[in-house]
Amino acid sequence: MRTSIAIAALIAGIATIPAAHAATETFKGTLSAAAEVPPTQSSGTGSASVTLDTSTKQVTWRVEYSGLTGPAMAAHIHCGAAAGANAGVAVPLGPASGVASPITGSATMTDAQIADLTSGKCYVNVHTDKNKGGEVRAQLMK
């Protein structure tokens, strides 16, 4: 009987401990040539999804694209610029030798990069040989 009461008390105590769940936030955007600064002449399209784990500061991404003027040579998350402005690379999304669709991966962001991400000042850019500054872009929004 005492064992049963002790087990019941233990289970009740465990049930009151809050579960430790990481908070995540997802940011998405639609890749287009019109969103580039300046806009490009491309029929490329696609989508970008970036999920932030706020406890570890890790981001994971999935970027899909099609219709570019040539093979993607690089892709990045750029931070520090709202739509209509450009910023430097914050997170490379793949190897420098090229990035095939879909691009997936993860990395850790700094506090400043996270602040930019959560305030709409980060974007995904896919670069080609013809459009070295970026062929398609997606501003990341929550």
N, C-alpha and C. Protein backbone atom coordinates (compact mmCIF):
# COMPACT_ATOMS: atom_id res chain seq x y z
N MET A 1 0.83 -1.19 0.00
CA MET A 1 0.00 0.00 0.00
C MET A 1 0.87 1.25 0.00
N ARG A 2 1.90 1.27 0.88
CA ARG A 2 2.79 2.43 0.93
C ARG A 2 3.51 2.64 -0.40
N THR A 3 3.89 1.54 -1.02
CA THR A 3 4.56 1.64 -2.31
C THR A 3 3.64 2.27 -3.35
N SER A 4 2.39 1.87 -3.35
CA SER A 4 1.41 2.42 -4.29
C SER A 4 1.22 3.92 -4.06
N ILE A 5 1.15 4.32 -2.81
CA ILE A 5 0.98 5.74 -2.50
C ILE A 5 2.23 6.52 -2.92
N ALA A 6 3.39 5.97 -2.68
CA ALA A 6 4.64 6.64 -3.05
C ALA A 6 4.74 6.78 -4.57
N ILE A 7 4.37 5.74 -5.30
CA ILE A 7 4.41 5.81 -6.77
C ILE A 7 3.42 6.84 -7.28
N ALA A 8 2.21 6.85 -6.71
CA ALA A 8 1.20 7.83 -7.12
C ALA A 8 1.69 9.25 -6.84
N ALA A 9 2.31 9.45 -5.69
CA ALA A 9 2.84 10.78 -5.35
C ALA A 9 3.96 11.18 -6.31
N LEU A 10 4.80 10.23 -6.66
CA LEU A 10 5.89 10.51 -7.59
C LEU A 10 5.35 10.88 -8.96
N ILE A 11 4.38 10.13 -9.44
CA ILE A 11 3.77 10.43 -10.75
C ILE A 11 3.10 11.79 -10.72
N ALA A 12 2.39 12.10 -9.65
CA ALA A 12 1.74 13.41 -9.53
C ALA A 12 2.77 14.53 -9.53
N GLY A 13 3.89 14.31 -8.84
CA GLY A 13 4.94 15.32 -8.80
C GLY A 13 5.58 15.54 -10.16
N ILE A 14 5.81 14.46 -10.88
CA ILE A 14 6.40 14.58 -12.22
C ILE A 14 5.45 15.29 -13.16
N ALA A 15 4.18 15.05 -13.04
CA ALA A 15 3.18 15.67 -13.91
C ALA A 15 3.14 17.18 -13.74
N THR A 16 3.57 17.67 -12.58
CA THR A 16 3.52 19.12 -12.36
C THR A 16 4.77 19.84 -12.85
N ILE A 17 5.81 19.07 -13.25
CA ILE A 17 7.02 19.69 -13.78
C ILE A 17 6.74 20.14 -15.21
N PRO A 18 6.96 21.42 -15.53
CA PRO A 18 6.69 21.87 -16.89
C PRO A 18 7.63 21.19 -17.88
N ALA A 19 7.08 20.84 -19.02
CA ALA A 19 7.88 20.21 -20.07
C ALA A 19 8.83 21.24 -20.66
N ALA A 20 10.04 20.83 -20.90
CA ALA A 20 11.05 21.73 -21.48
C ALA A 20 10.97 21.62 -23.00
N HIS A 21 10.24 22.53 -23.61
CA HIS A 21 10.11 22.54 -25.06
C HIS A 21 10.85 23.75 -25.61
N ALA A 22 11.58 23.53 -26.65
CA ALA A 22 12.26 24.64 -27.31
C ALA A 22 11.22 25.45 -28.07
N ALA A 23 11.31 26.74 -27.96
CA ALA A 23 10.42 27.61 -28.72
C ALA A 23 10.99 27.77 -30.11
N THR A 24 10.15 27.59 -31.12
CA THR A 24 10.59 27.76 -32.49
C THR A 24 9.73 28.81 -33.18
N GLU A 25 10.34 29.48 -34.12
CA GLU A 25 9.64 30.46 -34.94
C GLU A 25 10.00 30.17 -36.38
N THR A 26 9.02 30.26 -37.28
CA THR A 26 9.24 29.97 -38.69
C THR A 26 9.09 31.24 -39.51
N PHE A 27 9.99 31.42 -40.44
CA PHE A 27 10.02 32.57 -41.34
C PHE A 27 10.00 32.05 -42.77
N LYS A 28 9.16 32.65 -43.60
CA LYS A 28 9.01 32.17 -44.97
C LYS A 28 9.06 33.32 -45.96
N GLY A 29 9.36 32.96 -47.21
CA GLY A 29 9.35 33.94 -48.28
C GLY A 29 9.25 33.26 -49.62
N THR A 30 8.82 34.01 -50.63
CA THR A 30 8.71 33.53 -52.00
C THR A 30 9.84 34.12 -52.82
N LEU A 31 10.65 33.25 -53.41
CA LEU A 31 11.77 33.70 -54.24
C LEU A 31 11.26 34.24 -55.57
N SER A 32 11.75 35.42 -55.94
CA SER A 32 11.40 35.99 -57.24
C SER A 32 12.51 36.92 -57.71
N ALA A 33 12.55 37.11 -59.02
CA ALA A 33 13.51 38.03 -59.62
C ALA A 33 13.12 39.48 -59.31
N ALA A 34 11.84 39.75 -59.19
CA ALA A 34 11.36 41.11 -58.91
C ALA A 34 11.79 41.59 -57.53
N ALA A 35 12.01 40.67 -56.60
CA ALA A 35 12.41 41.04 -55.24
C ALA A 35 13.90 41.38 -55.14
N GLU A 36 14.68 41.03 -56.16
CA GLU A 36 16.11 41.36 -56.15
C GLU A 36 16.29 42.86 -56.18
N VAL A 37 17.43 43.33 -55.69
CA VAL A 37 17.77 44.76 -55.68
C VAL A 37 19.12 44.93 -56.37
N PRO A 38 19.13 45.39 -57.65
CA PRO A 38 17.97 45.68 -58.50
C PRO A 38 17.34 44.40 -59.05
N PRO A 39 16.08 44.49 -59.53
CA PRO A 39 15.41 43.31 -60.08
C PRO A 39 16.20 42.71 -61.25
N THR A 40 16.07 41.41 -61.44
CA THR A 40 16.77 40.73 -62.54
C THR A 40 15.77 40.28 -63.59
N GLN A 41 16.29 39.94 -64.75
CA GLN A 41 15.48 39.39 -65.84
C GLN A 41 15.57 37.88 -65.76
N SER A 42 14.73 37.28 -64.96
CA SER A 42 14.75 35.84 -64.75
C SER A 42 13.33 35.36 -64.55
N SER A 43 13.08 34.14 -65.00
CA SER A 43 11.78 33.52 -64.73
C SER A 43 11.88 32.60 -63.52
N GLY A 44 12.99 32.68 -62.79
CA GLY A 44 13.18 31.85 -61.61
C GLY A 44 12.16 32.13 -60.52
N THR A 45 11.77 31.07 -59.84
CA THR A 45 10.84 31.18 -58.73
C THR A 45 11.25 30.19 -57.65
N GLY A 46 10.61 30.27 -56.52
CA GLY A 46 10.89 29.30 -55.47
C GLY A 46 10.34 29.75 -54.14
N SER A 47 10.75 29.02 -53.11
CA SER A 47 10.29 29.33 -51.76
C SER A 47 11.42 29.08 -50.78
N ALA A 48 11.34 29.78 -49.67
CA ALA A 48 12.33 29.63 -48.59
C ALA A 48 11.60 29.54 -47.27
N SER A 49 12.04 28.61 -46.44
CA SER A 49 11.50 28.46 -45.10
C SER A 49 12.67 28.30 -44.14
N VAL A 50 12.70 29.14 -43.11
CA VAL A 50 13.76 29.13 -42.11
C VAL A 50 13.10 29.02 -40.75
N THR A 51 13.52 28.02 -39.97
CA THR A 51 12.98 27.83 -38.62
C THR A 51 14.07 28.12 -37.60
N LEU A 52 13.75 28.97 -36.65
CA LEU A 52 14.68 29.37 -35.60
C LEU A 52 14.30 28.67 -34.30
N ASP A 53 15.27 28.01 -33.68
CA ASP A 53 15.12 27.48 -32.33
C ASP A 53 15.66 28.57 -31.41
N THR A 54 14.77 29.23 -30.68
CA THR A 54 15.18 30.39 -29.89
C THR A 54 16.06 30.03 -28.70
N SER A 55 16.02 28.78 -28.26
CA SER A 55 16.86 28.42 -27.11
C SER A 55 18.30 28.10 -27.52
N THR A 56 18.49 27.53 -28.71
CA THR A 56 19.84 27.17 -29.16
C THR A 56 20.41 28.15 -30.17
N LYS A 57 19.56 29.04 -30.69
CA LYS A 57 19.93 30.02 -31.72
C LYS A 57 20.26 29.34 -33.05
N GLN A 58 19.79 28.11 -33.21
CA GLN A 58 20.05 27.38 -34.45
C GLN A 58 18.90 27.61 -35.42
N VAL A 59 19.27 27.82 -36.69
CA VAL A 59 18.29 27.92 -37.75
C VAL A 59 18.44 26.71 -38.67
N THR A 60 17.31 26.23 -39.15
CA THR A 60 17.31 25.20 -40.18
C THR A 60 16.55 25.77 -41.37
N TRP A 61 16.93 25.34 -42.56
CA TRP A 61 16.30 25.92 -43.74
C TRP A 61 16.00 24.87 -44.79
N ARG A 62 15.04 25.24 -45.63
CA ARG A 62 14.72 24.51 -46.85
C ARG A 62 14.41 25.56 -47.90
N VAL A 63 15.20 25.56 -48.96
CA VAL A 63 15.04 26.50 -50.06
C VAL A 63 14.86 25.69 -51.34
N GLU A 64 13.79 25.97 -52.06
CA GLU A 64 13.53 25.30 -53.33
C GLU A 64 13.42 26.36 -54.41
N TYR A 65 13.99 26.06 -55.57
CA TYR A 65 13.91 27.01 -56.67
C TYR A 65 13.88 26.25 -57.99
N SER A 66 13.44 26.97 -59.04
CA SER A 66 13.46 26.42 -60.40
C SER A 66 13.46 27.59 -61.38
N GLY A 67 13.80 27.29 -62.62
CA GLY A 67 13.71 28.29 -63.68
C GLY A 67 14.80 29.33 -63.70
N LEU A 68 15.94 29.08 -63.06
CA LEU A 68 17.03 30.06 -63.06
C LEU A 68 17.71 30.11 -64.43
N THR A 69 18.48 31.14 -64.67
CA THR A 69 19.18 31.30 -65.95
C THR A 69 20.36 30.34 -66.09
N GLY A 70 20.71 29.67 -65.04
CA GLY A 70 21.80 28.71 -65.04
C GLY A 70 21.88 28.06 -63.69
N PRO A 71 22.87 27.21 -63.46
CA PRO A 71 23.01 26.56 -62.16
C PRO A 71 23.23 27.58 -61.04
N ALA A 72 22.66 27.29 -59.90
CA ALA A 72 22.91 28.14 -58.73
C ALA A 72 24.36 27.96 -58.31
N MET A 73 25.05 29.06 -58.13
CA MET A 73 26.46 29.04 -57.73
C MET A 73 26.62 29.21 -56.22
N ALA A 74 25.64 29.84 -55.60
CA ALA A 74 25.69 30.08 -54.16
C ALA A 74 24.30 30.48 -53.69
N ALA A 75 24.07 30.32 -52.41
CA ALA A 75 22.83 30.78 -51.78
C ALA A 75 23.17 31.17 -50.35
N HIS A 76 22.51 32.21 -49.87
CA HIS A 76 22.83 32.73 -48.53
C HIS A 76 21.59 33.28 -47.86
N ILE A 77 21.68 33.39 -46.55
CA ILE A 77 20.78 34.28 -45.81
C ILE A 77 21.57 35.56 -45.58
N HIS A 78 21.00 36.67 -45.99
CA HIS A 78 21.60 37.98 -45.77
C HIS A 78 20.79 38.65 -44.66
N CYS A 79 21.46 39.33 -43.75
CA CYS A 79 20.75 40.01 -42.65
C CYS A 79 21.20 41.47 -42.55
N GLY A 80 20.26 42.31 -42.14
CA GLY A 80 20.55 43.72 -41.93
C GLY A 80 19.86 44.62 -42.92
N ALA A 81 18.93 44.09 -43.73
CA ALA A 81 18.27 44.92 -44.74
C ALA A 81 16.81 44.53 -44.88
N ALA A 82 15.96 45.55 -44.90
CA ALA A 82 14.55 45.33 -45.19
C ALA A 82 14.39 45.14 -46.69
N ALA A 83 13.19 44.81 -47.13
CA ALA A 83 12.91 44.68 -48.56
C ALA A 83 13.32 45.97 -49.26
N GLY A 84 13.93 45.84 -50.42
CA GLY A 84 14.35 47.01 -51.19
C GLY A 84 15.78 47.45 -50.92
N ALA A 85 16.46 46.79 -49.99
CA ALA A 85 17.85 47.14 -49.67
C ALA A 85 18.68 45.86 -49.63
N ASN A 86 19.98 46.01 -49.76
CA ASN A 86 20.89 44.87 -49.73
C ASN A 86 21.73 44.86 -48.46
N ALA A 87 22.19 43.66 -48.09
CA ALA A 87 23.02 43.49 -46.90
C ALA A 87 24.04 42.40 -47.17
N GLY A 88 24.99 42.27 -46.26
CA GLY A 88 26.03 41.26 -46.40
C GLY A 88 25.53 39.87 -46.03
N VAL A 89 26.33 38.88 -46.39
CA VAL A 89 26.01 37.49 -46.11
C VAL A 89 26.08 37.24 -44.60
N ALA A 90 25.04 36.62 -44.07
CA ALA A 90 25.03 36.23 -42.66
C ALA A 90 25.27 34.73 -42.52
N VAL A 91 24.61 33.93 -43.37
CA VAL A 91 24.71 32.48 -43.28
C VAL A 91 24.79 31.88 -44.68
N PRO A 92 25.92 31.26 -45.03
CA PRO A 92 25.99 30.54 -46.31
C PRO A 92 25.07 29.31 -46.24
N LEU A 93 24.33 29.03 -47.31
CA LEU A 93 23.39 27.92 -47.30
C LEU A 93 23.93 26.66 -47.97
N GLY A 94 25.16 26.68 -48.39
CA GLY A 94 25.72 25.50 -49.03
C GLY A 94 27.16 25.72 -49.41
N PRO A 95 27.76 24.75 -50.06
CA PRO A 95 29.16 24.88 -50.45
C PRO A 95 29.35 25.92 -51.54
N ALA A 96 30.53 26.48 -51.60
CA ALA A 96 30.83 27.52 -52.59
C ALA A 96 30.79 26.97 -54.01
N SER A 97 30.85 25.66 -54.19
CA SER A 97 30.88 25.05 -55.52
C SER A 97 29.51 24.93 -56.16
N GLY A 98 28.46 25.30 -55.48
CA GLY A 98 27.12 25.25 -56.05
C GLY A 98 26.13 24.65 -55.09
N VAL A 99 24.87 24.95 -55.31
CA VAL A 99 23.81 24.50 -54.42
C VAL A 99 22.60 24.07 -55.25
N ALA A 100 22.32 22.79 -55.23
CA ALA A 100 21.19 22.27 -55.98
C ALA A 100 19.92 22.35 -55.14
N SER A 101 18.80 22.53 -55.81
CA SER A 101 17.51 22.58 -55.14
C SER A 101 17.02 21.16 -54.86
N PRO A 102 16.46 20.90 -53.69
CA PRO A 102 16.27 21.80 -52.55
C PRO A 102 17.54 21.92 -51.72
N ILE A 103 17.72 23.08 -51.16
CA ILE A 103 18.86 23.34 -50.28
C ILE A 103 18.36 23.18 -48.85
N THR A 104 19.00 22.32 -48.08
CA THR A 104 18.62 22.14 -46.68
C THR A 104 19.88 22.21 -45.82
N GLY A 105 19.72 22.60 -44.59
CA GLY A 105 20.86 22.64 -43.68
C GLY A 105 20.51 23.36 -42.40
N SER A 106 21.54 23.60 -41.62
CA SER A 106 21.36 24.31 -40.36
C SER A 106 22.65 25.02 -39.97
N ALA A 107 22.51 26.02 -39.12
CA ALA A 107 23.64 26.80 -38.61
C ALA A 107 23.17 27.55 -37.37
N THR A 108 24.12 28.14 -36.67
CA THR A 108 23.80 28.95 -35.50
C THR A 108 23.92 30.42 -35.88
N MET A 109 22.97 31.22 -35.45
CA MET A 109 22.99 32.66 -35.72
C MET A 109 23.41 33.42 -34.47
N THR A 110 23.96 34.61 -34.69
CA THR A 110 24.31 35.49 -33.59
C THR A 110 23.05 36.20 -33.09
N ASP A 111 23.15 36.82 -31.94
CA ASP A 111 22.02 37.58 -31.40
C ASP A 111 21.61 38.71 -32.35
N ALA A 112 22.58 39.38 -32.96
CA ALA A 112 22.28 40.47 -33.90
C ALA A 112 21.55 39.93 -35.13
N GLN A 113 21.99 38.78 -35.65
CA GLN A 113 21.32 38.19 -36.81
C GLN A 113 19.90 37.77 -36.47
N ILE A 114 19.71 37.22 -35.27
CA ILE A 114 18.37 36.82 -34.83
C ILE A 114 17.48 38.04 -34.69
N ALA A 115 18.01 39.13 -34.18
CA ALA A 115 17.23 40.37 -34.07
C ALA A 115 16.79 40.85 -35.45
N ASP A 116 17.69 40.76 -36.43
CA ASP A 116 17.32 41.13 -37.80
C ASP A 116 16.27 40.18 -38.36
N LEU A 117 16.45 38.89 -38.13
CA LEU A 117 15.50 37.90 -38.65
C LEU A 117 14.11 38.15 -38.10
N THR A 118 14.00 38.35 -36.80
CA THR A 118 12.68 38.52 -36.18
C THR A 118 12.05 39.87 -36.52
N SER A 119 12.84 40.81 -37.02
CA SER A 119 12.27 42.10 -37.40
C SER A 119 12.13 42.26 -38.91
N GLY A 120 12.23 41.15 -39.66
CA GLY A 120 12.00 41.20 -41.10
C GLY A 120 13.15 41.75 -41.91
N LYS A 121 14.36 41.74 -41.35
CA LYS A 121 15.51 42.32 -42.04
C LYS A 121 16.50 41.26 -42.53
N CYS A 122 16.00 40.05 -42.83
CA CYS A 122 16.85 39.01 -43.43
C CYS A 122 16.15 38.50 -44.69
N TYR A 123 16.95 38.07 -45.64
CA TYR A 123 16.41 37.51 -46.87
C TYR A 123 17.29 36.39 -47.38
N VAL A 124 16.70 35.52 -48.19
CA VAL A 124 17.44 34.46 -48.85
C VAL A 124 17.69 34.91 -50.28
N ASN A 125 18.91 34.68 -50.74
CA ASN A 125 19.33 35.07 -52.08
C ASN A 125 19.97 33.87 -52.74
N VAL A 126 19.59 33.58 -53.99
CA VAL A 126 20.22 32.52 -54.78
C VAL A 126 20.95 33.19 -55.93
N HIS A 127 22.24 32.89 -56.05
CA HIS A 127 23.12 33.53 -57.03
C HIS A 127 23.44 32.57 -58.18
N THR A 128 23.51 33.11 -59.39
CA THR A 128 23.95 32.35 -60.57
C THR A 128 25.13 33.06 -61.21
N ASP A 129 25.74 32.41 -62.19
CA ASP A 129 26.86 33.03 -62.90
C ASP A 129 26.40 34.29 -63.64
N LYS A 130 25.21 34.25 -64.23
CA LYS A 130 24.69 35.41 -64.95
C LYS A 130 24.30 36.53 -64.00
N ASN A 131 23.82 36.17 -62.82
CA ASN A 131 23.37 37.15 -61.83
C ASN A 131 24.15 36.93 -60.54
N LYS A 132 25.40 37.39 -60.57
CA LYS A 132 26.31 37.15 -59.45
C LYS A 132 25.85 37.81 -58.14
N GLY A 133 25.14 38.94 -58.24
CA GLY A 133 24.64 39.62 -57.06
C GLY A 133 23.37 38.99 -56.50
N GLY A 134 22.81 38.05 -57.24
CA GLY A 134 21.59 37.37 -56.83
C GLY A 134 20.58 37.37 -57.95
N GLU A 135 20.01 36.21 -58.22
CA GLU A 135 19.01 36.10 -59.29
C GLU A 135 17.59 36.12 -58.75
N VAL A 136 17.37 35.43 -57.63
CA VAL A 136 16.05 35.44 -56.99
C VAL A 136 16.25 35.68 -55.50
N ARG A 137 15.25 36.33 -54.92
CA ARG A 137 15.35 36.72 -53.50
C ARG A 137 14.00 36.55 -52.83
N ALA A 138 14.06 36.22 -51.54
CA ALA A 138 12.84 36.11 -50.72
C ALA A 138 13.10 36.78 -49.38
N GLN A 139 12.35 37.82 -49.09
CA GLN A 139 12.43 38.44 -47.76
C GLN A 139 11.77 37.49 -46.77
N LEU A 140 12.42 37.20 -45.66
CA LEU A 140 11.91 36.25 -44.68
C LEU A 140 10.99 36.95 -43.69
N MET A 141 9.76 36.48 -43.63
CA MET A 141 8.76 37.07 -42.74
C MET A 141 8.13 35.99 -41.87
N LYS A 142 7.82 36.35 -40.64
CA LYS A 142 7.21 35.41 -39.69
C LYS A 142 5.81 35.06 -40.13
